[in-house]
Amino acid sequence: MTVRVTLVSPATSEALREVRFDHDSPLDPAGLAHAEAAAGAFGTDRQAYASPGLRCRETARALGLAAEPLAELATCDMGRWRGQRLDAVAAAEEQAVAAWLTDPTASPHGGESLRDVRLRVGAWLDSLPDALPDGGGRVVAVVEPDVVRAAVVHVLSAPDLAFWRVDVRPLTATELSGRAQRWNIQCGRLVSR
């Protein structure tokens, strides 16, 4: 049976605008307004999930989704960089940031590597056919852009460094259909009602 998964990136927040490793910040007023304007875009016939972070939970709620937070869909654990601006970290730890950007197994911040995120998200995707009634159905998940990137890399069986080649804009949908080890993808649809 086919599983249809819609991954929705959250609306904007101050941390996103500041290019800061998010520290569980809320949506900004513009982000909340955009998400509320798209309320009802996904109907009620889907199982709904969200990254446990505040921005994703608020986006899901504004979209009218009763989304269950899942640890498997959490954003990358950025360790001691959490809450800091990328430019400040790059200035203070140039080599560490370079390693993080070029080695998917690196975790110089003391948190999770990008490969670990891809493996975690990929395992969740591949488990869906067994977790859903009759092995198929519709799922919507509001997740941070890094989780969308990890899912795209996984479903395309792309090298881990392809992670940095996937752009994910706020409040867009990436649609996956298929089953474990065989997925199709449609990227970047703007979420609207």
C-alpha atoms as a PDB file:
ATOM      1  CA  MET A   1       0.000   0.000   0.000  1.00  0.00           C
ATOM      2  CA  THR A   2       1.233   3.530  -0.731  1.00  0.00           C
ATOM      3  CA  VAL A   3       2.073   6.004   2.014  1.00  0.00           C
ATOM      4  CA  ARG A   4       1.724   9.707   1.223  1.00  0.00           C
ATOM      5  CA  VAL A   5       3.783  11.955   3.477  1.00  0.00           C
ATOM      6  CA  THR A   6       3.632  15.735   3.367  1.00  0.00           C
ATOM      7  CA  LEU A   7       6.507  17.420   5.198  1.00  0.00           C
ATOM      8  CA  VAL A   8       5.673  21.045   5.968  1.00  0.00           C
ATOM      9  CA  SER A   9       8.400  23.468   6.981  1.00  0.00           C
ATOM     10  CA  PRO A  10       7.383  25.846   9.758  1.00  0.00           C
ATOM     11  CA  ALA A  11       6.587  29.513   9.319  1.00  0.00           C
ATOM     12  CA  THR A  12       9.146  32.193  10.113  1.00  0.00           C
ATOM     13  CA  SER A  13      10.626  33.048  13.482  1.00  0.00           C
ATOM     14  CA  GLU A  14      13.117  35.568  14.791  1.00  0.00           C
ATOM     15  CA  ALA A  15      15.785  32.825  15.017  1.00  0.00           C
ATOM     16  CA  LEU A  16      15.335  32.035  11.327  1.00  0.00           C
ATOM     17  CA  ARG A  17      15.631  35.697  10.352  1.00  0.00           C
ATOM     18  CA  GLU A  18      18.776  36.049  12.480  1.00  0.00           C
ATOM     19  CA  VAL A  19      20.359  32.840  11.076  1.00  0.00           C
ATOM     20  CA  ARG A  20      20.590  31.501  14.606  1.00  0.00           C
ATOM     21  CA  PHE A  21      20.769  27.864  15.646  1.00  0.00           C
ATOM     22  CA  ASP A  22      17.248  27.699  16.975  1.00  0.00           C
ATOM     23  CA  HIS A  23      16.723  27.460  20.702  1.00  0.00           C
ATOM     24  CA  ASP A  24      13.025  26.643  20.595  1.00  0.00           C
ATOM     25  CA  SER A  25      11.858  30.104  19.638  1.00  0.00           C
ATOM     26  CA  PRO A  26       8.225  30.902  18.785  1.00  0.00           C
ATOM     27  CA  LEU A  27       6.860  32.038  15.447  1.00  0.00           C
ATOM     28  CA  ASP A  28       7.176  35.736  14.744  1.00  0.00           C
ATOM     29  CA  PRO A  29       3.928  37.675  14.109  1.00  0.00           C
ATOM     30  CA  ALA A  30       4.305  37.481  10.310  1.00  0.00           C
ATOM     31  CA  GLY A  31       4.959  33.734  10.452  1.00  0.00           C
ATOM     32  CA  LEU A  32       1.948  33.137  12.652  1.00  0.00           C
ATOM     33  CA  ALA A  33      -0.264  35.192  10.307  1.00  0.00           C
ATOM     34  CA  HIS A  34       0.936  33.251   7.241  1.00  0.00           C
ATOM     35  CA  ALA A  35       0.323  29.910   8.938  1.00  0.00           C
ATOM     36  CA  GLU A  36      -3.132  30.953  10.132  1.00  0.00           C
ATOM     37  CA  ALA A  37      -3.999  32.085   6.591  1.00  0.00           C
ATOM     38  CA  ALA A  38      -3.281  28.530   5.404  1.00  0.00           C
ATOM     39  CA  ALA A  39      -5.396  26.859   8.111  1.00  0.00           C
ATOM     40  CA  GLY A  40      -7.299  23.876   6.775  1.00  0.00           C
ATOM     41  CA  ALA A  41      -4.901  23.249   3.881  1.00  0.00           C
ATOM     42  CA  PHE A  42      -4.452  19.600   4.875  1.00  0.00           C
ATOM     43  CA  GLY A  43      -7.931  18.522   5.895  1.00  0.00           C
ATOM     44  CA  THR A  44      -8.557  16.015   8.646  1.00  0.00           C
ATOM     45  CA  ASP A  45      -8.010  12.706   6.838  1.00  0.00           C
ATOM     46  CA  ARG A  46      -4.313  12.522   7.720  1.00  0.00           C
ATOM     47  CA  GLN A  47      -2.267  11.401  10.674  1.00  0.00           C
ATOM     48  CA  ALA A  48      -0.497  14.573  11.889  1.00  0.00           C
ATOM     49  CA  TYR A  49       2.931  14.826  13.520  1.00  0.00           C
ATOM     50  CA  ALA A  50       5.337  17.634  14.383  1.00  0.00           C
ATOM     51  CA  SER A  51       8.901  18.160  15.432  1.00  0.00           C
ATOM     52  CA  PRO A  52       8.843  18.715  19.193  1.00  0.00           C
ATOM     53  CA  GLY A  53      10.203  22.276  18.798  1.00  0.00           C
ATOM     54  CA  LEU A  54       7.968  25.229  19.589  1.00  0.00           C
ATOM     55  CA  ARG A  55       8.070  26.733  16.077  1.00  0.00           C
ATOM     56  CA  CYS A  56       6.816  23.492  14.516  1.00  0.00           C
ATOM     57  CA  ARG A  57       4.145  22.911  17.146  1.00  0.00           C
ATOM     58  CA  GLU A  58       2.873  26.500  16.745  1.00  0.00           C
ATOM     59  CA  THR A  59       2.818  26.160  12.944  1.00  0.00           C
ATOM     60  CA  ALA A  60       0.885  22.890  13.176  1.00  0.00           C
ATOM     61  CA  ARG A  61      -1.636  24.446  15.560  1.00  0.00           C
ATOM     62  CA  ALA A  62      -2.052  27.527  13.314  1.00  0.00           C
ATOM     63  CA  LEU A  63      -2.640  25.202  10.335  1.00  0.00           C
ATOM     64  CA  GLY A  64      -5.424  23.513  12.317  1.00  0.00           C
ATOM     65  CA  LEU A  65      -3.539  20.241  12.834  1.00  0.00           C
ATOM     66  CA  ALA A  66      -3.740  18.210  16.030  1.00  0.00           C
ATOM     67  CA  ALA A  67      -0.136  17.112  15.560  1.00  0.00           C
ATOM     68  CA  GLU A  68       1.570  14.598  17.819  1.00  0.00           C
ATOM     69  CA  PRO A  69       5.153  15.677  18.632  1.00  0.00           C
ATOM     70  CA  LEU A  70       7.676  12.970  17.713  1.00  0.00           C
ATOM     71  CA  ALA A  71      11.278  12.791  18.921  1.00  0.00           C
ATOM     72  CA  GLU A  72      12.211  11.083  15.632  1.00  0.00           C
ATOM     73  CA  LEU A  73      11.326  14.337  13.848  1.00  0.00           C
ATOM     74  CA  ALA A  74      13.330  16.649  16.109  1.00  0.00           C
ATOM     75  CA  THR A  75      15.696  19.185  14.612  1.00  0.00           C
ATOM     76  CA  CYS A  76      19.409  18.403  14.744  1.00  0.00           C
ATOM     77  CA  ASP A  77      20.782  18.679  18.279  1.00  0.00           C
ATOM     78  CA  MET A  78      23.278  21.533  17.881  1.00  0.00           C
ATOM     79  CA  GLY A  79      24.847  21.046  21.296  1.00  0.00           C
ATOM     80  CA  ARG A  80      26.693  24.098  22.606  1.00  0.00           C
ATOM     81  CA  TRP A  81      25.915  26.096  19.428  1.00  0.00           C
ATOM     82  CA  ARG A  82      22.210  26.092  20.224  1.00  0.00           C
ATOM     83  CA  GLY A  83      20.813  29.622  20.426  1.00  0.00           C
ATOM     84  CA  GLN A  84      23.904  31.212  18.845  1.00  0.00           C
ATOM     85  CA  ARG A  85      24.078  33.075  15.547  1.00  0.00           C
ATOM     86  CA  LEU A  86      25.914  31.278  12.743  1.00  0.00           C
ATOM     87  CA  ASP A  87      28.150  34.270  11.988  1.00  0.00           C
ATOM     88  CA  ALA A  88      29.273  34.489  15.637  1.00  0.00           C
ATOM     89  CA  VAL A  89      30.030  30.768  15.809  1.00  0.00           C
ATOM     90  CA  ALA A  90      31.890  30.912  12.479  1.00  0.00           C
ATOM     91  CA  ALA A  91      34.022  33.815  13.724  1.00  0.00           C
ATOM     92  CA  ALA A  92      34.880  32.054  16.995  1.00  0.00           C
ATOM     93  CA  GLU A  93      35.199  28.491  15.662  1.00  0.00           C
ATOM     94  CA  GLU A  94      36.093  28.724  11.981  1.00  0.00           C
ATOM     95  CA  GLN A  95      37.579  25.220  11.695  1.00  0.00           C
ATOM     96  CA  ALA A  96      34.729  23.611  13.612  1.00  0.00           C
ATOM     97  CA  VAL A  97      32.119  25.214  11.333  1.00  0.00           C
ATOM     98  CA  ALA A  98      34.128  24.178   8.268  1.00  0.00           C
ATOM     99  CA  ALA A  99      34.182  20.577   9.536  1.00  0.00           C
ATOM    100  CA  TRP A 100      30.432  20.661  10.189  1.00  0.00           C
ATOM    101  CA  LEU A 101      29.772  21.926   6.647  1.00  0.00           C
ATOM    102  CA  THR A 102      32.039  19.400   4.901  1.00  0.00           C
ATOM    103  CA  ASP A 103      31.912  16.217   6.982  1.00  0.00           C
ATOM    104  CA  PRO A 104      28.441  14.732   7.560  1.00  0.00           C
ATOM    105  CA  THR A 105      29.778  12.652  10.458  1.00  0.00           C
ATOM    106  CA  ALA A 106      31.208  15.667  12.314  1.00  0.00           C
ATOM    107  CA  SER A 107      29.551  17.082  15.399  1.00  0.00           C
ATOM    108  CA  PRO A 108      32.014  19.713  16.648  1.00  0.00           C
ATOM    109  CA  HIS A 109      29.213  21.363  18.634  1.00  0.00           C
ATOM    110  CA  GLY A 110      28.855  18.268  20.800  1.00  0.00           C
ATOM    111  CA  GLY A 111      25.406  17.401  19.500  1.00  0.00           C
ATOM    112  CA  GLU A 112      24.198  15.296  16.611  1.00  0.00           C
ATOM    113  CA  SER A 113      25.894  14.815  13.224  1.00  0.00           C
ATOM    114  CA  LEU A 114      23.981  15.375   9.988  1.00  0.00           C
ATOM    115  CA  ARG A 115      24.363  11.672   9.190  1.00  0.00           C
ATOM    116  CA  ASP A 116      22.726  10.830  12.516  1.00  0.00           C
ATOM    117  CA  VAL A 117      19.788  13.086  11.600  1.00  0.00           C
ATOM    118  CA  ARG A 118      19.446  11.450   8.166  1.00  0.00           C
ATOM    119  CA  LEU A 119      19.515   7.959   9.677  1.00  0.00           C
ATOM    120  CA  ARG A 120      16.927   8.888  12.337  1.00  0.00           C
ATOM    121  CA  VAL A 121      14.543  10.553   9.875  1.00  0.00           C
ATOM    122  CA  GLY A 122      15.053   7.796   7.279  1.00  0.00           C
ATOM    123  CA  ALA A 123      14.235   5.116   9.843  1.00  0.00           C
ATOM    124  CA  TRP A 124      11.009   6.948  10.711  1.00  0.00           C
ATOM    125  CA  LEU A 125      10.000   7.218   7.039  1.00  0.00           C
ATOM    126  CA  ASP A 126      10.749   3.581   6.344  1.00  0.00           C
ATOM    127  CA  SER A 127       8.773   2.479   9.406  1.00  0.00           C
ATOM    128  CA  LEU A 128       5.578   4.255   8.307  1.00  0.00           C
ATOM    129  CA  PRO A 129       4.117   1.440   6.168  1.00  0.00           C
ATOM    130  CA  ASP A 130       4.212  -0.859   9.217  1.00  0.00           C
ATOM    131  CA  ALA A 131       2.903   1.825  11.581  1.00  0.00           C
ATOM    132  CA  LEU A 132      -0.143   2.911   9.573  1.00  0.00           C
ATOM    133  CA  PRO A 133      -3.427   1.015   9.303  1.00  0.00           C
ATOM    134  CA  ASP A 134      -3.387  -1.326   6.289  1.00  0.00           C
ATOM    135  CA  GLY A 135       0.217  -0.264   5.558  1.00  0.00           C
ATOM    136  CA  GLY A 136      -0.772   2.981   3.845  1.00  0.00           C
ATOM    137  CA  GLY A 137      -2.487   6.303   4.181  1.00  0.00           C
ATOM    138  CA  ARG A 138      -1.799   9.998   4.465  1.00  0.00           C
ATOM    139  CA  VAL A 139       0.565  11.665   6.900  1.00  0.00           C
ATOM    140  CA  VAL A 140       1.401  15.331   7.409  1.00  0.00           C
ATOM    141  CA  ALA A 141       4.347  16.383   9.555  1.00  0.00           C
ATOM    142  CA  VAL A 142       5.449  19.911  10.408  1.00  0.00           C
ATOM    143  CA  VAL A 143       9.219  19.672  10.691  1.00  0.00           C
ATOM    144  CA  GLU A 144      12.272  21.919  10.672  1.00  0.00           C
ATOM    145  CA  PRO A 145      14.092  22.430   7.349  1.00  0.00           C
ATOM    146  CA  ASP A 146      16.974  20.162   8.390  1.00  0.00           C
ATOM    147  CA  VAL A 147      14.503  17.292   8.841  1.00  0.00           C
ATOM    148  CA  VAL A 148      13.070  17.951   5.362  1.00  0.00           C
ATOM    149  CA  ARG A 149      16.625  17.971   3.934  1.00  0.00           C
ATOM    150  CA  ALA A 150      17.439  14.706   5.710  1.00  0.00           C
ATOM    151  CA  ALA A 151      14.253  13.105   4.340  1.00  0.00           C
ATOM    152  CA  VAL A 152      15.024  14.238   0.776  1.00  0.00           C
ATOM    153  CA  VAL A 153      18.589  12.896   0.984  1.00  0.00           C
ATOM    154  CA  HIS A 154      17.246   9.613   2.353  1.00  0.00           C
ATOM    155  CA  VAL A 155      14.508   9.058  -0.215  1.00  0.00           C
ATOM    156  CA  LEU A 156      16.836   9.883  -3.108  1.00  0.00           C
ATOM    157  CA  SER A 157      19.623   7.694  -1.671  1.00  0.00           C
ATOM    158  CA  ALA A 158      21.844  10.719  -2.202  1.00  0.00           C
ATOM    159  CA  PRO A 159      25.227  11.221  -0.533  1.00  0.00           C
ATOM    160  CA  ASP A 160      24.997  12.862   2.880  1.00  0.00           C
ATOM    161  CA  LEU A 161      26.673  16.052   1.615  1.00  0.00           C
ATOM    162  CA  ALA A 162      23.663  16.604  -0.675  1.00  0.00           C
ATOM    163  CA  PHE A 163      21.995  17.830   2.536  1.00  0.00           C
ATOM    164  CA  TRP A 164      23.496  21.289   1.912  1.00  0.00           C
ATOM    165  CA  ARG A 165      22.103  21.383  -1.656  1.00  0.00           C
ATOM    166  CA  VAL A 166      18.451  21.217  -0.610  1.00  0.00           C
ATOM    167  CA  ASP A 167      16.822  24.591   0.031  1.00  0.00           C
ATOM    168  CA  VAL A 168      13.674  24.593   2.141  1.00  0.00           C
ATOM    169  CA  ARG A 169      11.677  27.788   2.349  1.00  0.00           C
ATOM    170  CA  PRO A 170       9.341  28.594   5.254  1.00  0.00           C
ATOM    171  CA  LEU A 171       5.820  27.212   5.058  1.00  0.00           C
ATOM    172  CA  THR A 172       6.392  24.975   2.029  1.00  0.00           C
ATOM    173  CA  ALA A 173       5.390  21.355   1.536  1.00  0.00           C
ATOM    174  CA  THR A 174       7.583  18.519   0.330  1.00  0.00           C
ATOM    175  CA  GLU A 175       5.490  15.545  -0.682  1.00  0.00           C
ATOM    176  CA  LEU A 176       6.711  11.958  -0.589  1.00  0.00           C
ATOM    177  CA  SER A 177       4.804   8.947  -1.812  1.00  0.00           C
ATOM    178  CA  GLY A 178       5.743   5.304  -1.832  1.00  0.00           C
ATOM    179  CA  ARG A 179       6.964   2.886   0.772  1.00  0.00           C
ATOM    180  CA  ALA A 180      10.192   1.857   2.518  1.00  0.00           C
ATOM    181  CA  GLN A 181      13.180   1.981   0.161  1.00  0.00           C
ATOM    182  CA  ARG A 182      11.051   3.245  -2.763  1.00  0.00           C
ATOM    183  CA  TRP A 183       9.897   6.836  -2.600  1.00  0.00           C
ATOM    184  CA  ASN A 184       8.924   9.550  -5.068  1.00  0.00           C
ATOM    185  CA  ILE A 185       9.226  13.235  -4.222  1.00  0.00           C
ATOM    186  CA  GLN A 186       7.657  16.581  -5.065  1.00  0.00           C
ATOM    187  CA  CYS A 187       9.407  19.601  -3.503  1.00  0.00           C
ATOM    188  CA  GLY A 188       8.589  23.118  -2.475  1.00  0.00           C
ATOM    189  CA  ARG A 189       4.844  23.615  -2.912  1.00  0.00           C
ATOM    190  CA  LEU A 190       3.720  26.759  -1.076  1.00  0.00           C
ATOM    191  CA  VAL A 191       1.222  25.930   1.634  1.00  0.00           C
ATOM    192  CA  SER A 192      -2.053  27.710   1.081  1.00  0.00           C
ATOM    193  CA  ARG A 193      -5.716  27.086   1.602  1.00  0.00           C
END
